[in-house]
Amino acid sequence: MWDAVTGKFFGRLPPGVIGVGPYDPGRGLSMEYKGEEHHADSALLYVQGCVGACDCAARYYRWDGSVFHLVLRQQSVLSLRCQ
């Protein structure tokens, strides 16, 4: 992540690379996740997706000026391959 004003680089956004799907297409339950959402006037980062094969969740992070802190993790509906 970069600071738009100073250009300072802070590193990768948590939780790293996320998959957003679609998962299990053609099996009757196709899962797709929202990915990342952030508003410039907020310290909250919302990330919905899968880290690795089956760690699928909505995660809420708070920015403290130098690092994101996990505030809440809510398990998402898993694709059929993870059940």
PDB file of N, CA and C in Angstrom:
ATOM      1  N   MET A   1       0.846  -1.173   0.000  1.00  0.00           N
ATOM      2  CA  MET A   1       0.000   0.000   0.000  1.00  0.00           C
ATOM      3  C   MET A   1       0.892   1.237   0.000  1.00  0.00           C
ATOM      4  N   TRP A   2       0.476   2.246  -0.734  1.00  0.00           N
ATOM      5  CA  TRP A   2       1.204   3.504  -0.803  1.00  0.00           C
ATOM      6  C   TRP A   2       0.374   4.622  -0.194  1.00  0.00           C
ATOM      7  N   ASP A   3       1.062   5.564   0.443  1.00  0.00           N
ATOM      8  CA  ASP A   3       0.429   6.791   0.916  1.00  0.00           C
ATOM      9  C   ASP A   3       0.296   7.714  -0.292  1.00  0.00           C
ATOM     10  N   ALA A   4      -0.919   8.140  -0.610  1.00  0.00           N
ATOM     11  CA  ALA A   4      -1.165   8.957  -1.798  1.00  0.00           C
ATOM     12  C   ALA A   4      -0.518  10.329  -1.705  1.00  0.00           C
ATOM     13  N   VAL A   5      -0.279  10.831  -0.505  1.00  0.00           N
ATOM     14  CA  VAL A   5       0.305  12.157  -0.329  1.00  0.00           C
ATOM     15  C   VAL A   5       1.827  12.101  -0.330  1.00  0.00           C
ATOM     16  N   THR A   6       2.413  11.192   0.467  1.00  0.00           N
ATOM     17  CA  THR A   6       3.866  11.154   0.617  1.00  0.00           C
ATOM     18  C   THR A   6       4.554  10.168  -0.317  1.00  0.00           C
ATOM     19  N   GLY A   7       3.799   9.186  -0.829  1.00  0.00           N
ATOM     20  CA  GLY A   7       4.384   8.156  -1.675  1.00  0.00           C
ATOM     21  C   GLY A   7       5.061   7.046  -0.889  1.00  0.00           C
ATOM     22  N   LYS A   8       4.984   7.088   0.443  1.00  0.00           N
ATOM     23  CA  LYS A   8       5.610   6.071   1.281  1.00  0.00           C
ATOM     24  C   LYS A   8       4.946   4.717   1.033  1.00  0.00           C
ATOM     25  N   PHE A   9       5.787   3.665   0.926  1.00  0.00           N
ATOM     26  CA  PHE A   9       5.307   2.304   0.708  1.00  0.00           C
ATOM     27  C   PHE A   9       5.249   1.567   2.035  1.00  0.00           C
ATOM     28  N   PHE A  10       4.113   0.939   2.336  1.00  0.00           N
ATOM     29  CA  PHE A  10       3.924   0.248   3.608  1.00  0.00           C
ATOM     30  C   PHE A  10       3.954  -1.268   3.482  1.00  0.00           C
ATOM     31  N   GLY A  11       3.943  -1.818   2.304  1.00  0.00           N
ATOM     32  CA  GLY A  11       3.928  -3.270   2.132  1.00  0.00           C
ATOM     33  C   GLY A  11       2.593  -3.752   1.624  1.00  0.00           C
ATOM     34  N   ARG A  12       2.427  -5.054   1.627  1.00  0.00           N
ATOM     35  CA  ARG A  12       1.194  -5.649   1.109  1.00  0.00           C
ATOM     36  C   ARG A  12       0.029  -5.454   2.067  1.00  0.00           C
ATOM     37  N   LEU A  13      -1.147  -5.356   1.481  1.00  0.00           N
ATOM     38  CA  LEU A  13      -2.364  -5.305   2.285  1.00  0.00           C
ATOM     39  C   LEU A  13      -2.639  -6.681   2.876  1.00  0.00           C
ATOM     40  N   PRO A  14      -3.186  -6.735   4.075  1.00  0.00           N
ATOM     41  CA  PRO A  14      -3.535  -8.031   4.646  1.00  0.00           C
ATOM     42  C   PRO A  14      -4.792  -8.563   3.987  1.00  0.00           C
ATOM     43  N   PRO A  15      -5.028  -9.774   3.955  1.00  0.00           N
ATOM     44  CA  PRO A  15      -4.198 -10.882   4.432  1.00  0.00           C
ATOM     45  C   PRO A  15      -3.255 -11.412   3.366  1.00  0.00           C
ATOM     46  N   GLY A  16      -2.930 -10.618   2.372  1.00  0.00           N
ATOM     47  CA  GLY A  16      -2.102 -11.072   1.255  1.00  0.00           C
ATOM     48  C   GLY A  16      -2.983 -11.319   0.043  1.00  0.00           C
ATOM     49  N   VAL A  17      -2.599 -12.271  -0.767  1.00  0.00           N
ATOM     50  CA  VAL A  17      -3.348 -12.590  -1.979  1.00  0.00           C
ATOM     51  C   VAL A  17      -4.632 -13.327  -1.597  1.00  0.00           C
ATOM     52  N   ILE A  18      -5.762 -12.842  -2.119  1.00  0.00           N
ATOM     53  CA  ILE A  18      -7.043 -13.499  -1.856  1.00  0.00           C
ATOM     54  C   ILE A  18      -7.684 -13.940  -3.164  1.00  0.00           C
ATOM     55  N   GLY A  19      -8.390 -15.042  -3.098  1.00  0.00           N
ATOM     56  CA  GLY A  19      -9.150 -15.512  -4.249  1.00  0.00           C
ATOM     57  C   GLY A  19     -10.596 -15.078  -4.097  1.00  0.00           C
ATOM     58  N   VAL A  20     -11.187 -14.624  -5.186  1.00  0.00           N
ATOM     59  CA  VAL A  20     -12.578 -14.172  -5.123  1.00  0.00           C
ATOM     60  C   VAL A  20     -13.518 -15.080  -5.913  1.00  0.00           C
ATOM     61  N   GLY A  21     -13.002 -16.072  -6.600  1.00  0.00           N
ATOM     62  CA  GLY A  21     -13.847 -17.033  -7.304  1.00  0.00           C
ATOM     63  C   GLY A  21     -14.010 -16.699  -8.770  1.00  0.00           C
ATOM     64  N   PRO A  22     -14.926 -17.316  -9.446  1.00  0.00           N
ATOM     65  CA  PRO A  22     -15.969 -18.190  -8.900  1.00  0.00           C
ATOM     66  C   PRO A  22     -15.432 -19.580  -8.558  1.00  0.00           C
ATOM     67  N   TYR A  23     -15.988 -20.165  -7.500  1.00  0.00           N
ATOM     68  CA  TYR A  23     -15.648 -21.504  -7.066  1.00  0.00           C
ATOM     69  C   TYR A  23     -16.823 -22.422  -7.350  1.00  0.00           C
ATOM     70  N   ASP A  24     -16.538 -23.641  -7.734  1.00  0.00           N
ATOM     71  CA  ASP A  24     -17.530 -24.685  -8.017  1.00  0.00           C
ATOM     72  C   ASP A  24     -18.529 -24.300  -9.105  1.00  0.00           C
ATOM     73  N   PRO A  25     -18.116 -23.612 -10.180  1.00  0.00           N
ATOM     74  CA  PRO A  25     -19.088 -23.299 -11.224  1.00  0.00           C
ATOM     75  C   PRO A  25     -19.627 -24.582 -11.848  1.00  0.00           C
ATOM     76  N   GLY A  26     -20.897 -24.579 -12.157  1.00  0.00           N
ATOM     77  CA  GLY A  26     -21.519 -25.727 -12.792  1.00  0.00           C
ATOM     78  C   GLY A  26     -21.974 -26.810 -11.834  1.00  0.00           C
ATOM     79  N   ARG A  27     -21.756 -26.640 -10.542  1.00  0.00           N
ATOM     80  CA  ARG A  27     -22.186 -27.638  -9.561  1.00  0.00           C
ATOM     81  C   ARG A  27     -23.447 -27.192  -8.822  1.00  0.00           C
ATOM     82  N   GLY A  28     -24.059 -26.130  -9.266  1.00  0.00           N
ATOM     83  CA  GLY A  28     -25.297 -25.673  -8.637  1.00  0.00           C
ATOM     84  C   GLY A  28     -25.095 -24.634  -7.556  1.00  0.00           C
ATOM     85  N   LEU A  29     -23.860 -24.468  -7.059  1.00  0.00           N
ATOM     86  CA  LEU A  29     -23.586 -23.468  -6.028  1.00  0.00           C
ATOM     87  C   LEU A  29     -22.272 -22.790  -6.392  1.00  0.00           C
ATOM     88  N   SER A  30     -22.348 -21.717  -7.136  1.00  0.00           N
ATOM     89  CA  SER A  30     -21.157 -20.988  -7.544  1.00  0.00           C
ATOM     90  C   SER A  30     -20.895 -19.872  -6.544  1.00  0.00           C
ATOM     91  N   MET A  31     -19.747 -19.916  -5.873  1.00  0.00           N
ATOM     92  CA  MET A  31     -19.394 -18.926  -4.856  1.00  0.00           C
ATOM     93  C   MET A  31     -18.479 -17.861  -5.465  1.00  0.00           C
ATOM     94  N   GLU A  32     -18.833 -16.602  -5.244  1.00  0.00           N
ATOM     95  CA  GLU A  32     -17.965 -15.484  -5.606  1.00  0.00           C
ATOM     96  C   GLU A  32     -17.917 -14.542  -4.416  1.00  0.00           C
ATOM     97  N   TYR A  33     -16.749 -13.952  -4.178  1.00  0.00           N
ATOM     98  CA  TYR A  33     -16.554 -13.069  -3.040  1.00  0.00           C
ATOM     99  C   TYR A  33     -16.272 -11.647  -3.521  1.00  0.00           C
ATOM    100  N   LYS A  34     -16.441 -10.674  -2.641  1.00  0.00           N
ATOM    101  CA  LYS A  34     -16.363  -9.255  -3.017  1.00  0.00           C
ATOM    102  C   LYS A  34     -14.943  -8.728  -3.218  1.00  0.00           C
ATOM    103  N   GLY A  35     -13.954  -9.311  -2.580  1.00  0.00           N
ATOM    104  CA  GLY A  35     -12.594  -8.794  -2.667  1.00  0.00           C
ATOM    105  C   GLY A  35     -12.358  -7.729  -1.612  1.00  0.00           C
ATOM    106  N   GLU A  36     -11.710  -6.634  -1.986  1.00  0.00           N
ATOM    107  CA  GLU A  36     -11.368  -5.574  -1.035  1.00  0.00           C
ATOM    108  C   GLU A  36     -12.257  -4.356  -1.233  1.00  0.00           C
ATOM    109  N   GLU A  37     -12.536  -3.671  -0.125  1.00  0.00           N
ATOM    110  CA  GLU A  37     -13.297  -2.424  -0.182  1.00  0.00           C
ATOM    111  C   GLU A  37     -12.743  -1.469   0.866  1.00  0.00           C
ATOM    112  N   HIS A  38     -12.487  -0.235   0.440  1.00  0.00           N
ATOM    113  CA  HIS A  38     -11.956   0.785   1.339  1.00  0.00           C
ATOM    114  C   HIS A  38     -12.466   2.143   0.904  1.00  0.00           C
ATOM    115  N   HIS A  39     -12.750   2.995   1.856  1.00  0.00           N
ATOM    116  CA  HIS A  39     -13.155   4.371   1.564  1.00  0.00           C
ATOM    117  C   HIS A  39     -12.078   5.312   2.085  1.00  0.00           C
ATOM    118  N   ALA A  40     -11.725   6.317   1.312  1.00  0.00           N
ATOM    119  CA  ALA A  40     -10.620   7.221   1.652  1.00  0.00           C
ATOM    120  C   ALA A  40     -10.818   7.944   2.982  1.00  0.00           C
ATOM    121  N   ASP A  41     -12.058   8.138   3.398  1.00  0.00           N
ATOM    122  CA  ASP A  41     -12.310   8.860   4.651  1.00  0.00           C
ATOM    123  C   ASP A  41     -12.476   7.911   5.845  1.00  0.00           C
ATOM    124  N   SER A  42     -12.013   6.671   5.711  1.00  0.00           N
ATOM    125  CA  SER A  42     -12.179   5.672   6.766  1.00  0.00           C
ATOM    126  C   SER A  42     -10.863   4.958   7.049  1.00  0.00           C
ATOM    127  N   ALA A  43     -10.688   4.493   8.274  1.00  0.00           N
ATOM    128  CA  ALA A  43      -9.520   3.703   8.652  1.00  0.00           C
ATOM    129  C   ALA A  43      -9.815   2.210   8.556  1.00  0.00           C
ATOM    130  N   LEU A  44     -10.998   1.850   8.044  1.00  0.00           N
ATOM    131  CA  LEU A  44     -11.417   0.450   7.972  1.00  0.00           C
ATOM    132  C   LEU A  44     -11.183  -0.121   6.575  1.00  0.00           C
ATOM    133  N   LEU A  45     -10.621  -1.318   6.521  1.00  0.00           N
ATOM    134  CA  LEU A  45     -10.448  -2.060   5.275  1.00  0.00           C
ATOM    135  C   LEU A  45     -11.268  -3.333   5.386  1.00  0.00           C
ATOM    136  N   TYR A  46     -12.104  -3.596   4.387  1.00  0.00           N
ATOM    137  CA  TYR A  46     -12.934  -4.790   4.337  1.00  0.00           C
ATOM    138  C   TYR A  46     -12.382  -5.702   3.250  1.00  0.00           C
ATOM    139  N   VAL A  47     -12.143  -6.964   3.595  1.00  0.00           N
ATOM    140  CA  VAL A  47     -11.622  -7.936   2.637  1.00  0.00           C
ATOM    141  C   VAL A  47     -12.479  -9.192   2.725  1.00  0.00           C
ATOM    142  N   GLN A  48     -13.062  -9.608   1.592  1.00  0.00           N
ATOM    143  CA  GLN A  48     -13.840 -10.836   1.560  1.00  0.00           C
ATOM    144  C   GLN A  48     -13.296 -11.727   0.461  1.00  0.00           C
ATOM    145  N   GLY A  49     -12.894 -12.941   0.834  1.00  0.00           N
ATOM    146  CA  GLY A  49     -12.364 -13.888  -0.135  1.00  0.00           C
ATOM    147  C   GLY A  49     -11.658 -15.026   0.557  1.00  0.00           C
ATOM    148  N   CYS A  50     -10.941 -15.820  -0.239  1.00  0.00           N
ATOM    149  CA  CYS A  50     -10.266 -17.008   0.280  1.00  0.00           C
ATOM    150  C   CYS A  50      -8.753 -16.809   0.258  1.00  0.00           C
ATOM    151  N   VAL A  51      -8.140 -17.125   1.376  1.00  0.00           N
ATOM    152  CA  VAL A  51      -6.684 -17.159   1.479  1.00  0.00           C
ATOM    153  C   VAL A  51      -6.318 -18.635   1.419  1.00  0.00           C
ATOM    154  N   GLY A  52      -5.576 -19.013   0.411  1.00  0.00           N
ATOM    155  CA  GLY A  52      -5.310 -20.434   0.224  1.00  0.00           C
ATOM    156  C   GLY A  52      -6.556 -21.131  -0.296  1.00  0.00           C
ATOM    157  N   ALA A  53      -6.618 -22.425  -0.086  1.00  0.00           N
ATOM    158  CA  ALA A  53      -7.697 -23.221  -0.668  1.00  0.00           C
ATOM    159  C   ALA A  53      -9.041 -23.014   0.010  1.00  0.00           C
ATOM    160  N   CYS A  54      -9.090 -22.970   1.338  1.00  0.00           N
ATOM    161  CA  CYS A  54     -10.391 -23.008   2.016  1.00  0.00           C
ATOM    162  C   CYS A  54     -10.533 -22.051   3.193  1.00  0.00           C
ATOM    163  N   ASP A  55      -9.640 -21.104   3.363  1.00  0.00           N
ATOM    164  CA  ASP A  55      -9.772 -20.117   4.439  1.00  0.00           C
ATOM    165  C   ASP A  55     -10.562 -18.928   3.902  1.00  0.00           C
ATOM    166  N   CYS A  56     -11.887 -19.115   3.792  1.00  0.00           N
ATOM    167  CA  CYS A  56     -12.759 -18.109   3.190  1.00  0.00           C
ATOM    168  C   CYS A  56     -13.492 -17.344   4.286  1.00  0.00           C
ATOM    169  N   ALA A  57     -13.359 -16.023   4.269  1.00  0.00           N
ATOM    170  CA  ALA A  57     -13.945 -15.216   5.330  1.00  0.00           C
ATOM    171  C   ALA A  57     -14.061 -13.766   4.900  1.00  0.00           C
ATOM    172  N   ALA A  58     -14.878 -13.037   5.658  1.00  0.00           N
ATOM    173  CA  ALA A  58     -14.900 -11.579   5.571  1.00  0.00           C
ATOM    174  C   ALA A  58     -14.019 -11.093   6.722  1.00  0.00           C
ATOM    175  N   ARG A  59     -13.077 -10.221   6.412  1.00  0.00           N
ATOM    176  CA  ARG A  59     -12.143  -9.716   7.422  1.00  0.00           C
ATOM    177  C   ARG A  59     -12.208  -8.197   7.451  1.00  0.00           C
ATOM    178  N   TYR A  60     -12.199  -7.652   8.650  1.00  0.00           N
ATOM    179  CA  TYR A  60     -12.235  -6.208   8.849  1.00  0.00           C
ATOM    180  C   TYR A  60     -10.936  -5.803   9.544  1.00  0.00           C
ATOM    181  N   TYR A  61     -10.220  -4.841   8.944  1.00  0.00           N
ATOM    182  CA  TYR A  61      -8.954  -4.360   9.482  1.00  0.00           C
ATOM    183  C   TYR A  61      -9.058  -2.867   9.779  1.00  0.00           C
ATOM    184  N   ARG A  62      -8.363  -2.432  10.826  1.00  0.00           N
ATOM    185  CA  ARG A  62      -8.283  -1.001  11.176  1.00  0.00           C
ATOM    186  C   ARG A  62      -6.857  -0.529  10.938  1.00  0.00           C
ATOM    187  N   TRP A  63      -6.724   0.569  10.234  1.00  0.00           N
ATOM    188  CA  TRP A  63      -5.419   1.180   9.920  1.00  0.00           C
ATOM    189  C   TRP A  63      -5.036   2.126  11.042  1.00  0.00           C
ATOM    190  N   ASP A  64      -3.815   1.985  11.601  1.00  0.00           N
ATOM    191  CA  ASP A  64      -3.382   2.867  12.682  1.00  0.00           C
ATOM    192  C   ASP A  64      -2.357   3.902  12.239  1.00  0.00           C
ATOM    193  N   GLY A  65      -2.142   4.001  10.938  1.00  0.00           N
ATOM    194  CA  GLY A  65      -1.170   4.952  10.403  1.00  0.00           C
ATOM    195  C   GLY A  65       0.091   4.286   9.903  1.00  0.00           C
ATOM    196  N   SER A  66       0.328   3.035  10.316  1.00  0.00           N
ATOM    197  CA  SER A  66       1.501   2.317   9.831  1.00  0.00           C
ATOM    198  C   SER A  66       1.240   0.837   9.575  1.00  0.00           C
ATOM    199  N   VAL A  67       0.182   0.295  10.153  1.00  0.00           N
ATOM    200  CA  VAL A  67      -0.115  -1.124   9.966  1.00  0.00           C
ATOM    201  C   VAL A  67      -1.617  -1.368  10.160  1.00  0.00           C
ATOM    202  N   PHE A  68      -2.126  -2.417   9.498  1.00  0.00           N
ATOM    203  CA  PHE A  68      -3.520  -2.821   9.675  1.00  0.00           C
ATOM    204  C   PHE A  68      -3.617  -3.815  10.820  1.00  0.00           C
ATOM    205  N   HIS A  69      -4.655  -3.692  11.629  1.00  0.00           N
ATOM    206  CA  HIS A  69      -4.930  -4.627  12.722  1.00  0.00           C
ATOM    207  C   HIS A  69      -6.250  -5.321  12.448  1.00  0.00           C
ATOM    208  N   LEU A  70      -6.262  -6.658  12.545  1.00  0.00           N
ATOM    209  CA  LEU A  70      -7.494  -7.413  12.350  1.00  0.00           C
ATOM    210  C   LEU A  70      -8.463  -7.103  13.488  1.00  0.00           C
ATOM    211  N   VAL A  71      -9.661  -6.645  13.138  1.00  0.00           N
ATOM    212  CA  VAL A  71     -10.690  -6.299  14.118  1.00  0.00           C
ATOM    213  C   VAL A  71     -11.695  -7.439  14.240  1.00  0.00           C
ATOM    214  N   LEU A  72     -12.089  -8.016  13.103  1.00  0.00           N
ATOM    215  CA  LEU A  72     -13.121  -9.047  13.100  1.00  0.00           C
ATOM    216  C   LEU A  72     -12.921  -9.962  11.909  1.00  0.00           C
ATOM    217  N   ARG A  73     -13.120 -11.258  12.123  1.00  0.00           N
ATOM    218  CA  ARG A  73     -13.091 -12.253  11.043  1.00  0.00           C
ATOM    219  C   ARG A  73     -14.386 -13.036  11.124  1.00  0.00           C
ATOM    220  N   GLN A  74     -15.155 -13.042  10.023  1.00  0.00           N
ATOM    221  CA  GLN A  74     -16.410 -13.781   9.946  1.00  0.00           C
ATOM    222  C   GLN A  74     -16.295 -14.844   8.868  1.00  0.00           C
ATOM    223  N   GLN A  75     -16.433 -16.109   9.262  1.00  0.00           N
ATOM    224  CA  GLN A  75     -16.357 -17.207   8.301  1.00  0.00           C
ATOM    225  C   GLN A  75     -17.389 -17.031   7.210  1.00  0.00           C
ATOM    226  N   SER A  76     -16.978 -17.228   5.957  1.00  0.00           N
ATOM    227  CA  SER A  76     -17.891 -17.159   4.815  1.00  0.00           C
ATOM    228  C   SER A  76     -18.403 -18.543   4.484  1.00  0.00           C
ATOM    229  N   VAL A  77     -19.445 -18.592   3.684  1.00  0.00           N
ATOM    230  CA  VAL A  77     -19.931 -19.866   3.166  1.00  0.00           C
ATOM    231  C   VAL A  77     -18.806 -20.459   2.331  1.00  0.00           C
ATOM    232  N   LEU A  78     -18.484 -21.723   2.578  1.00  0.00           N
ATOM    233  CA  LEU A  78     -17.398 -22.374   1.869  1.00  0.00           C
ATOM    234  C   LEU A  78     -17.882 -22.983   0.564  1.00  0.00           C
ATOM    235  N   SER A  79     -16.965 -23.071  -0.381  1.00  0.00           N
ATOM    236  CA  SER A  79     -17.297 -23.752  -1.625  1.00  0.00           C
ATOM    237  C   SER A  79     -17.455 -25.243  -1.330  1.00  0.00           C
ATOM    238  N   LEU A  80     -18.061 -25.960  -2.233  1.00  0.00           N
ATOM    239  CA  LEU A  80     -18.308 -27.390  -2.031  1.00  0.00           C
ATOM    240  C   LEU A  80     -17.024 -28.187  -1.856  1.00  0.00           C
ATOM    241  N   ARG A  81     -15.936 -27.755  -2.463  1.00  0.00           N
ATOM    242  CA  ARG A  81     -14.687 -28.517  -2.360  1.00  0.00           C
ATOM    243  C   ARG A  81     -14.088 -28.459  -0.955  1.00  0.00           C
ATOM    244  N   CYS A  82     -14.531 -27.529  -0.125  1.00  0.00           N
ATOM    245  CA  CYS A  82     -13.984 -27.383   1.228  1.00  0.00           C
ATOM    246  C   CYS A  82     -14.890 -27.972   2.298  1.00  0.00           C
ATOM    247  N   GLN A  83     -16.030 -28.445   1.928  1.00  0.00           N
ATOM    248  CA  GLN A  83     -16.981 -28.946   2.933  1.00  0.00           C
ATOM    249  C   GLN A  83     -16.779 -30.406   3.200  1.00  0.00           C
TER     250      GLN A  83
END
